[in-house]
Amino acid sequence: MKIEQIYTGCLAQGAYYIVSEGEAAIIDPLREVQPYLDRLAKDNVKLKYIFETHFHADFVSGHVDLSKKTGAPIIYGPTAAPEFEAIVAEDNQIFEIGKIKIKVLHTPGHTMESSTYLLIDENGKNHAIFSGDTLFLGDVGRPDLAQKAANLTQEELAGLLYDSLYHKILPLEDDITVYPAHGAGSACGKNMQKETVDTLGNQKQTNYALKQTSKESFIAAVLDGLTAPPKYFGMNVAMNKKGYTSFDEVLAKGKTALSVDEFETAAEETGALILDTRNAAEFHKGFIPQSINIGLKGDFAPWVGSMIVDVQQPILLVCDDCTEEETITRLSRVGFDNVLGYLKGGFESWKNSGKEIDTVHRILPEEFAEKFNENSKVIDVRKEGEYAAEHVNDAYSKPLAYINDWVGNINPDEHFFLHCAGGYRSMIAASILQARGYRNFTEVEGGFNGIKKTEKVPTTDFVCQSKTAL
């Protein structure tokens, strides 16, 4: 028996590849499936089942493409109603892969069809659980996403989650390995550990949600501090439930190379959003007017989902050389399949053509420290928790995730400084602000980390947020 966790850091997502005696199973595969096909061929094994722990909200799974290419059936837990051929398992139903077994444990709460898959090894021993979004390391799945679909309140869903965890998961043996669907950084939970594998026994000792004394205290603890989910989540659920265009077609269309004139014409005729994926250090020196910058080297896909929101939005890409395919792939993982093409030769070709360009006014932290005074207006676009931990004195907390809510309140005539933690998120914000006509601001390279190092700007005392959250 072999169990392999295939962890994708930019999505904080874990897929699982299991092999026994020439047969394989894959749990919660990523959108692009060729790596799985290569792995199956290399191991000379046949894919027998594709297990989905639930209808994912934060990424588009590769289950549909993988099933079409291999013939392996897709397995969901009880109550699932996908709009494509699949096996909807019963609670406690067992599937055999080689000499091992996968037992379905229906664990509703995060969503109604959510299921945990219990792996029983060759000796009949409970060996591991693939817990999806029911149980994370250090946390549990958020119970507020499926309220509309289930016609239940978040409190009622949290109560179902309590029953699932306390009656089906906690009675299992302590030495069982827990393989969750997500780790730290995912928006599917709020307090996940950085580790991606643990024993159930250790989670019983350390996971706040598994140490509650009553259902009522569990519900209160799980719902406390939940922030609004990204708005693209519902669209990803729909794609996972209804099916989607083959990734091969998405990639072929997106890899259309466009000359400068073709690119400009496409932008004018389609209303496509120009997405520039270069890093902030390059973007601020020159870019196509109205471009939005979301750097590929960062939490690219989640920020695309949060900032662009509509997965049907036509997109034109400006990329570094040889990153077009990676960009299209990472966009498709969160459902943004409508890439019309990319600028051949990148931004340099646009610049060399003599067409108009734009820039962002960016300064070093040392220069910010020299300019900063008691009358300076500073906007901090980090998360609320980061701001609460420590921030520049009198800075305004305006998280990037909510820019559409606060941008209209910015006085365009009043200058402000803009920063995040290191410069990635503040450049996203800067590009959005400029696309909407705001130009009277200065972005700080290196963000709060750089500002702190100057030791010349007054900041608040540090408060550990992990301690305040528990």
Protein backbone atom coordinates (compact mmCIF):
# COMPACT_ATOMS: atom_id res chain seq x y z
CA MET A 1 0.00 0.00 0.00
CA LYS A 2 1.20 3.49 -0.83
CA ILE A 3 -0.39 6.77 0.24
CA GLU A 4 0.94 9.99 -1.23
CA GLN A 5 -0.17 13.48 -0.30
CA ILE A 6 0.08 15.82 -3.30
CA TYR A 7 0.06 19.24 -1.65
CA THR A 8 -0.35 22.43 -3.69
CA GLY A 9 0.92 25.31 -1.59
CA CYS A 10 -0.65 28.19 -3.52
CA LEU A 11 -4.10 26.69 -2.90
CA ALA A 12 -3.18 25.14 0.46
CA GLN A 13 -4.87 22.03 -0.94
CA GLY A 14 -4.10 18.35 -0.51
CA ALA A 15 -4.98 15.68 -3.06
CA TYR A 16 -4.25 12.04 -2.33
CA TYR A 17 -2.93 9.17 -4.45
CA ILE A 18 -3.42 5.67 -3.04
CA VAL A 19 -2.11 2.44 -4.58
CA SER A 20 -2.56 -1.20 -3.63
CA GLU A 21 -1.84 -4.28 -5.72
CA GLY A 22 -2.01 -2.65 -9.12
CA GLU A 23 -5.08 -0.52 -8.38
CA ALA A 24 -5.27 3.15 -7.44
CA ALA A 25 -7.64 5.74 -6.03
CA ILE A 26 -7.32 9.53 -6.16
CA ILE A 27 -9.05 11.82 -3.69
CA ASP A 28 -9.91 15.45 -4.53
CA PRO A 29 -7.68 15.83 -7.63
CA LEU A 30 -6.57 19.20 -8.95
CA ARG A 31 -8.05 20.57 -12.20
CA GLU A 32 -5.11 19.61 -14.45
CA VAL A 33 -5.03 15.82 -14.58
CA GLN A 34 -2.04 14.99 -16.81
CA PRO A 35 0.30 14.67 -13.80
CA TYR A 36 -2.02 11.99 -12.37
CA LEU A 37 -2.13 10.16 -15.71
CA ASP A 38 1.67 10.24 -15.86
CA ARG A 39 1.90 8.91 -12.33
CA LEU A 40 -0.53 6.07 -13.05
CA ALA A 41 1.43 5.11 -16.17
CA LYS A 42 4.75 5.25 -14.35
CA ASP A 43 3.44 3.01 -11.57
CA ASN A 44 1.68 0.75 -14.10
CA VAL A 45 -1.53 0.81 -12.08
CA LYS A 46 -5.20 1.24 -12.99
CA LEU A 47 -7.26 4.05 -11.49
CA LYS A 48 -10.27 2.36 -9.96
CA TYR A 49 -12.04 5.21 -8.16
CA ILE A 50 -12.02 9.01 -7.91
CA PHE A 51 -13.28 10.13 -4.50
CA GLU A 52 -14.63 13.60 -3.87
CA THR A 53 -15.01 14.57 -0.22
CA HIS A 54 -17.63 17.20 -1.16
CA PHE A 55 -18.44 19.88 -3.74
CA HIS A 56 -15.43 22.13 -3.24
CA ALA A 57 -15.88 25.89 -3.07
CA ASP A 58 -12.32 27.17 -3.26
CA PHE A 59 -11.09 25.27 -6.32
CA VAL A 60 -12.37 23.35 -9.31
CA SER A 61 -11.57 19.69 -8.96
CA GLY A 62 -10.24 17.56 -11.85
CA HIS A 63 -12.73 14.77 -11.17
CA VAL A 64 -14.74 15.18 -14.40
CA ASP A 65 -11.73 15.28 -16.75
CA LEU A 66 -9.98 12.47 -14.87
CA SER A 67 -13.05 10.23 -15.07
CA LYS A 68 -13.42 10.86 -18.82
CA LYS A 69 -9.76 10.07 -19.48
CA THR A 70 -9.55 6.94 -17.32
CA GLY A 71 -13.08 5.56 -17.12
CA ALA A 72 -12.83 5.51 -13.32
CA PRO A 73 -16.12 6.36 -11.59
CA ILE A 74 -16.49 9.40 -9.35
CA ILE A 75 -17.62 8.69 -5.78
CA TYR A 76 -19.55 11.16 -3.62
CA GLY A 77 -21.00 10.79 -0.17
CA PRO A 78 -24.73 10.49 0.63
CA THR A 79 -27.14 13.23 -0.54
CA ALA A 80 -24.82 14.52 -3.29
CA ALA A 81 -26.64 15.34 -6.53
CA PRO A 82 -24.04 15.96 -9.24
CA GLU A 83 -25.23 16.74 -12.76
CA PHE A 84 -22.97 14.12 -14.33
CA GLU A 85 -22.58 10.37 -13.94
CA ALA A 86 -21.27 9.44 -10.50
CA ILE A 87 -21.75 6.95 -7.69
CA VAL A 88 -23.52 8.48 -4.71
CA ALA A 89 -22.43 6.19 -1.89
CA GLU A 90 -24.37 5.17 1.18
CA ASP A 91 -23.09 5.82 4.67
CA ASN A 92 -20.63 3.05 5.66
CA GLN A 93 -20.42 1.73 2.08
CA ILE A 94 -17.06 0.11 1.36
CA PHE A 95 -14.98 0.32 -1.81
CA GLU A 96 -12.07 -2.07 -2.42
CA ILE A 97 -8.76 -1.00 -4.01
CA GLY A 98 -6.33 -3.91 -4.27
CA LYS A 99 -6.03 -5.29 -0.75
CA ILE A 100 -7.24 -2.17 1.05
CA LYS A 101 -10.71 -0.76 1.62
CA ILE A 102 -12.17 2.74 1.71
CA LYS A 103 -15.19 3.15 3.97
CA VAL A 104 -17.53 6.10 3.50
CA LEU A 105 -18.32 8.02 6.68
CA HIS A 106 -21.05 10.57 6.00
CA THR A 107 -19.99 13.67 7.95
CA PRO A 108 -22.33 16.57 7.07
CA GLY A 109 -21.82 20.03 8.49
CA HIS A 110 -19.38 21.84 6.22
CA THR A 111 -21.74 20.82 3.43
CA MET A 112 -24.57 18.30 3.50
CA GLU A 113 -22.81 15.75 1.27
CA SER A 114 -19.44 16.08 3.04
CA SER A 115 -17.90 12.71 3.70
CA THR A 116 -14.76 11.40 5.36
CA TYR A 117 -13.08 8.40 3.80
CA LEU A 118 -11.69 5.83 6.25
CA LEU A 119 -8.85 3.71 4.85
CA ILE A 120 -8.70 0.14 6.18
CA ASP A 121 -5.34 -1.51 5.47
CA GLU A 122 -4.45 -5.02 4.27
CA ASN A 123 -4.71 -6.34 7.84
CA GLY A 124 -8.17 -4.94 8.41
CA LYS A 125 -6.91 -2.14 10.66
CA ASN A 126 -8.24 1.40 10.50
CA HIS A 127 -5.21 3.24 9.11
CA ALA A 128 -6.13 6.79 8.01
CA ILE A 129 -8.94 9.22 7.34
CA PHE A 130 -9.18 11.57 4.38
CA SER A 131 -11.22 14.18 6.15
CA GLY A 132 -11.91 16.71 3.39
CA ASP A 133 -13.20 19.94 4.92
CA THR A 134 -14.80 18.18 7.89
CA LEU A 135 -11.63 18.08 9.99
CA PHE A 136 -8.51 20.17 9.43
CA LEU A 137 -5.38 20.17 11.54
CA GLY A 138 -6.08 22.69 14.28
CA ASP A 139 -9.52 23.54 12.96
CA VAL A 140 -12.71 22.24 11.34
CA GLY A 141 -14.53 23.20 8.16
CA ARG A 142 -16.51 26.42 8.13
CA PRO A 143 -20.25 25.71 8.45
CA ASP A 144 -21.48 28.90 6.79
CA LEU A 145 -21.02 28.09 3.09
CA ALA A 146 -23.92 25.72 2.45
CA GLN A 147 -26.71 27.62 4.21
CA LYS A 148 -28.66 28.36 1.03
CA ALA A 149 -28.21 24.91 -0.54
CA ALA A 150 -29.14 23.13 2.68
CA ASN A 151 -31.83 25.63 3.73
CA LEU A 152 -30.23 25.66 7.17
CA THR A 153 -28.64 28.35 9.31
CA GLN A 154 -24.93 28.35 10.02
CA GLU A 155 -25.75 27.40 13.61
CA GLU A 156 -27.73 24.38 12.42
CA LEU A 157 -24.94 23.32 10.08
CA ALA A 158 -22.41 23.75 12.90
CA GLY A 159 -24.60 21.48 15.00
CA LEU A 160 -24.51 18.82 12.27
CA LEU A 161 -20.73 19.22 12.11
CA TYR A 162 -20.54 18.64 15.86
CA ASP A 163 -22.54 15.41 15.52
CA SER A 164 -20.32 14.24 12.66
CA LEU A 165 -17.09 14.92 14.51
CA TYR A 166 -18.08 13.79 17.98
CA HIS A 167 -20.05 10.70 16.98
CA LYS A 168 -18.15 9.45 13.93
CA ILE A 169 -14.58 10.80 14.01
CA LEU A 170 -13.63 11.10 17.67
CA PRO A 171 -14.54 7.45 18.49
CA LEU A 172 -11.86 6.31 15.99
CA GLU A 173 -8.43 5.15 17.22
CA ASP A 174 -5.82 7.72 18.25
CA ASP A 175 -3.10 6.32 15.96
CA ILE A 176 -5.12 6.93 12.80
CA THR A 177 -3.46 9.38 10.42
CA VAL A 178 -5.46 12.46 9.45
CA TYR A 179 -5.12 13.68 5.86
CA PRO A 180 -7.12 16.94 5.47
CA ALA A 181 -8.09 18.70 2.24
CA HIS A 182 -6.51 22.01 3.28
CA GLY A 183 -3.80 23.58 5.41
CA ALA A 184 -2.87 27.01 6.70
CA GLY A 185 -3.72 29.82 4.30
CA SER A 186 -6.96 28.31 3.02
CA ALA A 187 -10.13 30.37 3.36
CA CYS A 188 -12.04 27.16 4.17
CA GLY A 189 -11.05 27.46 7.83
CA LYS A 190 -9.74 30.09 10.21
CA ASN A 191 -7.13 28.53 12.48
CA MET A 192 -5.34 25.78 10.56
CA GLN A 193 -1.89 24.50 11.47
CA LYS A 194 1.03 24.78 9.07
CA GLU A 195 1.50 20.99 9.22
CA THR A 196 -0.41 18.90 6.68
CA VAL A 197 -0.42 15.45 8.33
CA ASP A 198 -1.07 14.46 11.95
CA THR A 199 -2.49 11.69 14.10
CA LEU A 200 -6.08 11.81 15.24
CA GLY A 201 -4.88 11.39 18.82
CA ASN A 202 -2.85 14.60 18.65
CA GLN A 203 -5.78 16.46 17.14
CA LYS A 204 -7.99 15.28 20.00
CA GLN A 205 -5.47 16.91 22.34
CA THR A 206 -4.73 20.12 20.46
CA ASN A 207 -7.64 21.03 18.15
CA TYR A 208 -9.84 23.60 19.92
CA ALA A 209 -12.96 22.34 18.14
CA LEU A 210 -12.46 18.79 19.39
CA LYS A 211 -12.15 19.84 23.03
CA GLN A 212 -15.52 21.52 23.49
CA THR A 213 -17.67 20.43 26.42
CA SER A 214 -21.04 20.75 24.70
CA LYS A 215 -22.64 21.19 21.29
CA GLU A 216 -23.52 24.76 22.22
CA SER A 217 -19.92 25.68 23.06
CA PHE A 218 -18.73 23.96 19.86
CA ILE A 219 -21.12 26.02 17.73
CA ALA A 220 -20.05 29.24 19.43
CA ALA A 221 -16.35 28.47 19.10
CA VAL A 222 -16.51 27.41 15.45
CA LEU A 223 -18.55 30.42 14.35
CA ASP A 224 -16.53 32.93 16.35
CA GLY A 225 -14.27 35.05 14.15
CA LEU A 226 -15.46 33.70 10.80
CA THR A 227 -14.96 36.29 8.07
CA ALA A 228 -17.05 36.49 4.91
CA PRO A 229 -16.05 33.84 2.34
CA PRO A 230 -14.59 34.92 -1.02
CA LYS A 231 -17.37 35.71 -3.48
CA TYR A 232 -16.14 33.30 -6.16
CA PHE A 233 -16.76 30.29 -3.90
CA GLY A 234 -20.34 29.80 -5.08
CA MET A 235 -19.26 29.75 -8.72
CA ASN A 236 -16.66 27.04 -8.05
CA VAL A 237 -19.29 24.94 -6.26
CA ALA A 238 -21.51 25.21 -9.35
CA MET A 239 -18.69 24.09 -11.67
CA ASN A 240 -17.85 21.14 -9.44
CA LYS A 241 -21.50 20.14 -9.29
CA LYS A 242 -22.50 20.75 -12.93
CA GLY A 243 -19.27 19.93 -14.76
CA TYR A 244 -17.07 22.19 -16.85
CA THR A 245 -15.14 22.67 -20.09
CA SER A 246 -12.24 20.27 -20.51
CA PHE A 247 -9.00 21.73 -19.21
CA ASP A 248 -7.35 20.75 -22.52
CA GLU A 249 -9.71 23.15 -24.36
CA VAL A 250 -9.17 25.89 -21.79
CA LEU A 251 -5.41 25.61 -22.14
CA ALA A 252 -5.45 25.55 -25.94
CA LYS A 253 -7.60 28.70 -26.10
CA GLY A 254 -5.58 30.54 -23.47
CA LYS A 255 -2.27 29.85 -25.19
CA THR A 256 -3.24 32.01 -28.17
CA ALA A 257 -0.33 34.42 -28.71
CA LEU A 258 -1.52 37.92 -29.68
CA SER A 259 0.50 40.70 -31.30
CA VAL A 260 0.35 44.14 -29.72
CA ASP A 261 -2.32 45.28 -32.18
CA GLU A 262 -4.33 42.06 -31.82
CA PHE A 263 -4.11 42.33 -28.05
CA GLU A 264 -5.30 45.93 -28.06
CA THR A 265 -8.16 45.13 -30.44
CA ALA A 266 -9.24 42.14 -28.34
CA ALA A 267 -9.26 44.29 -25.20
CA GLU A 268 -11.40 46.96 -26.89
CA GLU A 269 -13.86 44.57 -28.55
CA THR A 270 -14.40 42.08 -25.72
CA GLY A 271 -14.09 44.22 -22.62
CA ALA A 272 -11.56 41.73 -21.34
CA LEU A 273 -9.72 42.41 -18.12
CA ILE A 274 -5.97 42.78 -18.63
CA LEU A 275 -4.27 40.67 -15.97
CA ASP A 276 -0.55 41.36 -15.53
CA THR A 277 1.11 38.53 -13.60
CA ARG A 278 4.64 39.94 -13.35
CA ASN A 279 6.04 40.64 -9.92
CA ALA A 280 5.37 43.98 -8.25
CA ALA A 281 8.96 45.16 -8.67
CA GLU A 282 8.57 45.03 -12.46
CA PHE A 283 4.93 46.02 -12.70
CA HIS A 284 5.25 49.37 -10.94
CA LYS A 285 7.89 50.58 -13.43
CA GLY A 286 5.54 50.24 -16.38
CA PHE A 287 2.32 48.51 -17.40
CA ILE A 288 -0.57 48.71 -19.84
CA PRO A 289 -3.10 51.29 -18.54
CA GLN A 290 -6.09 49.70 -16.72
CA SER A 291 -4.15 46.48 -16.04
CA ILE A 292 -4.67 44.63 -12.78
CA ASN A 293 -1.53 43.19 -11.22
CA ILE A 294 -1.71 39.86 -9.40
CA GLY A 295 1.75 38.36 -9.32
CA LEU A 296 2.12 34.71 -10.24
CA LYS A 297 4.74 34.30 -7.51
CA GLY A 298 2.36 34.55 -4.57
CA ASP A 299 -1.11 33.44 -3.57
CA PHE A 300 -2.12 34.00 -7.15
CA ALA A 301 -5.24 31.91 -7.64
CA PRO A 302 -7.01 32.83 -4.38
CA TRP A 303 -6.43 36.53 -5.02
CA VAL A 304 -7.69 36.19 -8.60
CA GLY A 305 -10.83 34.62 -7.18
CA SER A 306 -11.26 37.32 -4.57
CA MET A 307 -10.49 40.30 -6.82
CA ILE A 308 -12.04 39.34 -10.19
CA VAL A 309 -14.87 37.23 -8.68
CA ASP A 310 -16.77 36.44 -11.93
CA VAL A 311 -15.30 33.25 -13.37
CA GLN A 312 -16.85 34.08 -16.76
CA GLN A 313 -14.86 37.33 -17.04
CA PRO A 314 -12.82 37.39 -20.29
CA ILE A 315 -9.13 37.78 -19.46
CA LEU A 316 -6.10 38.84 -21.49
CA LEU A 317 -2.72 37.99 -19.99
CA VAL A 318 0.55 39.89 -19.71
CA CYS A 319 3.11 37.40 -18.41
CA ASP A 320 6.80 36.82 -18.04
CA ASP A 321 8.23 34.63 -20.81
CA CYS A 322 7.38 30.94 -20.54
CA THR A 323 4.87 31.38 -17.71
CA GLU A 324 1.74 31.49 -19.89
CA GLU A 325 0.82 27.81 -19.41
CA GLU A 326 1.40 27.94 -15.66
CA THR A 327 -0.75 31.07 -15.45
CA ILE A 328 -3.63 29.52 -17.41
CA THR A 329 -3.40 26.36 -15.32
CA ARG A 330 -3.51 28.23 -12.04
CA LEU A 331 -6.44 30.34 -13.25
CA SER A 332 -8.38 27.23 -14.23
CA ARG A 333 -7.87 25.75 -10.77
CA VAL A 334 -10.24 28.40 -9.45
CA GLY A 335 -12.56 28.30 -12.45
CA PHE A 336 -11.31 31.22 -14.53
CA ASP A 337 -11.44 29.45 -17.88
CA ASN A 338 -12.17 32.38 -20.18
CA VAL A 339 -8.59 33.39 -21.06
CA LEU A 340 -8.63 34.81 -24.58
CA GLY A 341 -4.86 34.81 -25.10
CA TYR A 342 -1.65 36.47 -24.01
CA LEU A 343 0.53 39.34 -25.21
CA LYS A 344 3.27 37.91 -27.40
CA GLY A 345 6.63 39.25 -26.22
CA GLY A 346 5.14 40.40 -22.93
CA PHE A 347 5.09 43.99 -21.69
CA GLU A 348 8.34 44.81 -23.50
CA SER A 349 6.62 44.36 -26.86
CA TRP A 350 3.90 46.81 -25.80
CA LYS A 351 6.46 49.30 -24.52
CA ASN A 352 8.61 49.03 -27.66
CA SER A 353 5.58 49.66 -29.87
CA GLY A 354 5.35 53.17 -28.43
CA LYS A 355 1.90 52.72 -26.97
CA GLU A 356 0.85 54.45 -23.76
CA ILE A 357 2.04 53.00 -20.47
CA ASP A 358 1.30 53.71 -16.83
CA THR A 359 3.35 53.47 -13.61
CA VAL A 360 2.79 53.19 -9.84
CA HIS A 361 4.63 55.62 -7.54
CA ARG A 362 6.60 53.31 -5.26
CA ILE A 363 9.11 54.25 -2.57
CA LEU A 364 11.46 52.37 -0.26
CA PRO A 365 10.64 52.02 3.45
CA GLU A 366 13.49 54.39 4.31
CA GLU A 367 11.99 57.11 2.14
CA PHE A 368 8.59 56.48 3.70
CA ALA A 369 10.18 56.90 7.15
CA GLU A 370 11.59 60.27 6.08
CA LYS A 371 8.28 61.52 4.69
CA PHE A 372 6.07 60.12 7.48
CA ASN A 373 4.74 62.61 10.05
CA GLU A 374 1.75 62.94 12.37
CA ASN A 375 -0.41 64.22 9.53
CA SER A 376 0.37 61.36 7.16
CA LYS A 377 -2.53 59.18 6.08
CA VAL A 378 -1.55 55.52 5.89
CA ILE A 379 -3.73 52.71 4.51
CA ASP A 380 -2.82 49.18 5.58
CA VAL A 381 -4.34 46.51 3.27
CA ARG A 382 -3.30 43.48 5.32
CA LYS A 383 -5.88 41.23 6.98
CA GLU A 384 -7.59 42.48 10.15
CA GLY A 385 -5.62 40.03 12.28
CA GLU A 386 -2.29 41.23 10.91
CA TYR A 387 -3.29 44.82 11.57
CA ALA A 388 -4.49 43.98 15.07
CA ALA A 389 -1.18 42.30 15.87
CA GLU A 390 0.86 45.42 15.06
CA HIS A 391 0.53 48.42 12.77
CA VAL A 392 1.79 51.91 12.03
CA ASN A 393 0.33 54.36 14.54
CA ASP A 394 -2.98 55.79 13.32
CA ALA A 395 -2.93 53.75 10.11
CA TYR A 396 -6.32 52.81 8.64
CA SER A 397 -7.14 49.11 8.31
CA LYS A 398 -8.52 48.53 4.80
CA PRO A 399 -8.06 44.83 3.93
CA LEU A 400 -7.46 44.13 0.27
CA ALA A 401 -10.16 41.44 0.27
CA TYR A 402 -12.76 44.16 0.85
CA ILE A 403 -11.40 46.82 -1.51
CA ASN A 404 -14.68 47.00 -3.40
CA ASP A 405 -16.40 47.97 -0.16
CA TRP A 406 -13.99 50.74 0.89
CA VAL A 407 -12.56 52.16 -2.32
CA GLY A 408 -15.53 54.49 -2.79
CA ASN A 409 -14.82 56.14 0.56
CA ILE A 410 -11.30 57.23 -0.41
CA ASN A 411 -10.92 60.97 -0.93
CA PRO A 412 -9.07 61.26 -4.26
CA ASP A 413 -7.76 64.70 -3.32
CA GLU A 414 -6.07 63.58 -0.10
CA HIS A 415 -2.69 61.88 -0.46
CA PHE A 416 -2.13 58.57 1.32
CA PHE A 417 0.56 55.95 1.71
CA LEU A 418 -0.37 52.36 0.89
CA HIS A 419 1.28 49.21 2.25
CA CYS A 420 0.72 45.54 3.08
CA ALA A 421 3.16 43.10 4.71
CA GLY A 422 5.74 42.82 1.94
CA GLY A 423 4.49 44.57 -1.21
CA TYR A 424 2.48 41.84 -2.97
CA ARG A 425 -1.03 42.78 -1.87
CA SER A 426 -0.41 46.54 -1.88
CA MET A 427 0.56 46.38 -5.56
CA ILE A 428 -2.70 44.53 -6.32
CA ALA A 429 -4.51 47.32 -4.48
CA ALA A 430 -2.44 50.00 -6.27
CA SER A 431 -3.31 48.60 -9.69
CA ILE A 432 -7.01 48.48 -8.84
CA LEU A 433 -6.93 52.02 -7.45
CA GLN A 434 -5.25 53.39 -10.55
CA ALA A 435 -7.62 51.53 -12.85
CA ARG A 436 -10.42 53.35 -11.05
CA GLY A 437 -8.81 56.75 -11.33
CA TYR A 438 -7.06 57.12 -7.96
CA ARG A 439 -3.53 58.44 -8.42
CA ASN A 440 -2.81 60.57 -5.35
CA PHE A 441 -1.07 57.86 -3.35
CA THR A 442 2.34 56.30 -2.79
CA GLU A 443 2.90 52.56 -2.39
CA VAL A 444 5.61 51.40 0.03
CA GLU A 445 7.93 48.64 -1.21
CA GLY A 446 8.56 45.94 1.38
CA GLY A 447 5.41 46.85 3.28
CA PHE A 448 5.12 46.75 7.05
CA ASN A 449 8.07 44.38 7.35
CA GLY A 450 10.31 46.95 5.69
CA ILE A 451 8.80 49.85 7.61
CA LYS A 452 9.39 48.05 10.90
CA LYS A 453 13.06 47.50 10.08
CA THR A 454 13.68 51.24 9.67
CA GLU A 455 12.91 51.73 13.40
CA LYS A 456 11.95 55.30 12.52
CA VAL A 457 8.16 54.98 12.25
CA PRO A 458 6.02 54.67 15.42
CA THR A 459 4.07 51.42 15.61
CA THR A 460 1.75 49.78 18.10
CA ASP A 461 2.93 47.08 20.50
CA PHE A 462 2.83 43.54 19.12
CA VAL A 463 -0.11 41.36 20.21
CA CYS A 464 -0.01 37.63 19.40
CA GLN A 465 -3.24 36.91 17.51
CA SER A 466 -3.09 33.13 17.92
CA LYS A 467 -3.36 33.69 21.68
CA THR A 468 -6.19 36.17 21.42
CA ALA A 469 -8.14 33.77 19.16
CA LEU A 470 -8.22 30.94 21.71
